[in-house]
Amino acid sequence: MPKQRQLIEPSDFERMRVFQQPISIYLQGELIGENVIIETHDEEIVLSTVGERFVKASCQFLIKR
């Protein structure tokens, strides 16, 4: 089973955006996004390439290692 690492720092999100690495997104322990590619992000929001918006303060962002 692959380990997962949480994205926390802005540099974590930027790395995933630049290299177009898919991430998983959870809200209160429930998977709400899988294989999401980040289009852009700021201090509050992550925007996916298909236009989905995720609030950083509410969600947990994970990448498989």
C-alpha atoms as a PDB file:
ATOM      1  CA  MET A   1       0.000   0.000   0.000  1.00  0.00           C
ATOM      2  CA  PRO A   2       1.496   3.371  -1.001  1.00  0.00           C
ATOM      3  CA  LYS A   3       2.156   5.888   1.724  1.00  0.00           C
ATOM      4  CA  GLN A   4       0.482   9.269   1.518  1.00  0.00           C
ATOM      5  CA  ARG A   5       1.973  12.631   2.384  1.00  0.00           C
ATOM      6  CA  GLN A   6      -0.081  15.682   3.267  1.00  0.00           C
ATOM      7  CA  LEU A   7       0.419  18.923   1.371  1.00  0.00           C
ATOM      8  CA  ILE A   8       0.743  21.773   3.864  1.00  0.00           C
ATOM      9  CA  GLU A   9       3.188  24.433   2.703  1.00  0.00           C
ATOM     10  CA  PRO A  10       2.559  26.666  -0.335  1.00  0.00           C
ATOM     11  CA  SER A  11       5.686  25.111  -1.870  1.00  0.00           C
ATOM     12  CA  ASP A  12       4.047  21.655  -1.595  1.00  0.00           C
ATOM     13  CA  PHE A  13       1.041  22.837  -3.615  1.00  0.00           C
ATOM     14  CA  GLU A  14       3.260  24.666  -6.118  1.00  0.00           C
ATOM     15  CA  ARG A  15       5.387  21.566  -6.720  1.00  0.00           C
ATOM     16  CA  MET A  16       2.261  19.515  -7.457  1.00  0.00           C
ATOM     17  CA  ARG A  17       1.010  22.240  -9.814  1.00  0.00           C
ATOM     18  CA  VAL A  18       4.282  22.611 -11.732  1.00  0.00           C
ATOM     19  CA  PHE A  19       4.795  18.864 -12.183  1.00  0.00           C
ATOM     20  CA  GLN A  20       1.048  18.192 -12.671  1.00  0.00           C
ATOM     21  CA  GLN A  21       1.054  15.454 -10.054  1.00  0.00           C
ATOM     22  CA  PRO A  22      -2.410  14.135  -9.141  1.00  0.00           C
ATOM     23  CA  ILE A  23      -3.563  14.578  -5.546  1.00  0.00           C
ATOM     24  CA  SER A  24      -6.412  13.253  -3.419  1.00  0.00           C
ATOM     25  CA  ILE A  25      -8.610  15.598  -1.417  1.00  0.00           C
ATOM     26  CA  TYR A  26     -10.557  14.749   1.723  1.00  0.00           C
ATOM     27  CA  LEU A  27     -13.218  16.702   3.595  1.00  0.00           C
ATOM     28  CA  GLN A  28     -13.885  15.495   7.147  1.00  0.00           C
ATOM     29  CA  GLY A  29     -12.298  12.141   6.319  1.00  0.00           C
ATOM     30  CA  GLU A  30     -14.382  11.598   3.168  1.00  0.00           C
ATOM     31  CA  LEU A  31     -12.726  11.463  -0.248  1.00  0.00           C
ATOM     32  CA  ILE A  32     -14.123  14.331  -2.349  1.00  0.00           C
ATOM     33  CA  GLY A  33     -11.507  14.462  -5.106  1.00  0.00           C
ATOM     34  CA  GLU A  34      -9.190  11.872  -6.603  1.00  0.00           C
ATOM     35  CA  ASN A  35      -6.469  12.360  -9.239  1.00  0.00           C
ATOM     36  CA  VAL A  36      -7.006  16.121  -9.021  1.00  0.00           C
ATOM     37  CA  ILE A  37      -4.500  18.257 -10.935  1.00  0.00           C
ATOM     38  CA  ILE A  38      -3.913  21.748  -9.510  1.00  0.00           C
ATOM     39  CA  GLU A  39      -4.439  24.593 -11.983  1.00  0.00           C
ATOM     40  CA  THR A  40      -3.710  27.335  -9.444  1.00  0.00           C
ATOM     41  CA  HIS A  41      -3.743  27.977  -5.708  1.00  0.00           C
ATOM     42  CA  ASP A  42      -3.462  30.797  -3.202  1.00  0.00           C
ATOM     43  CA  GLU A  43      -3.518  31.061   0.588  1.00  0.00           C
ATOM     44  CA  GLU A  44      -7.187  30.001   0.770  1.00  0.00           C
ATOM     45  CA  ILE A  45      -8.240  28.083  -2.354  1.00  0.00           C
ATOM     46  CA  VAL A  46      -7.007  25.294  -4.619  1.00  0.00           C
ATOM     47  CA  LEU A  47      -8.478  25.362  -8.131  1.00  0.00           C
ATOM     48  CA  SER A  48      -8.332  22.192 -10.228  1.00  0.00           C
ATOM     49  CA  THR A  49      -7.811  21.991 -13.984  1.00  0.00           C
ATOM     50  CA  VAL A  50     -11.516  21.155 -14.381  1.00  0.00           C
ATOM     51  CA  GLY A  51     -12.679  24.189 -12.372  1.00  0.00           C
ATOM     52  CA  GLU A  52     -13.332  22.586  -8.990  1.00  0.00           C
ATOM     53  CA  ARG A  53     -12.577  24.781  -5.952  1.00  0.00           C
ATOM     54  CA  PHE A  54     -11.321  23.389  -2.655  1.00  0.00           C
ATOM     55  CA  VAL A  55     -10.874  25.422   0.542  1.00  0.00           C
ATOM     56  CA  LYS A  56      -7.461  24.797   2.094  1.00  0.00           C
ATOM     57  CA  ALA A  57      -8.689  25.397   5.660  1.00  0.00           C
ATOM     58  CA  SER A  58     -11.433  22.765   5.320  1.00  0.00           C
ATOM     59  CA  CYS A  59      -9.773  20.038   3.266  1.00  0.00           C
ATOM     60  CA  GLN A  60      -6.850  17.661   3.577  1.00  0.00           C
ATOM     61  CA  PHE A  61      -4.663  17.347   0.473  1.00  0.00           C
ATOM     62  CA  LEU A  62      -2.651  14.165   0.002  1.00  0.00           C
ATOM     63  CA  ILE A  63      -0.200  12.800  -2.522  1.00  0.00           C
ATOM     64  CA  LYS A  64       0.770   9.148  -2.848  1.00  0.00           C
ATOM     65  CA  ARG A  65       4.461   8.401  -2.479  1.00  0.00           C
END
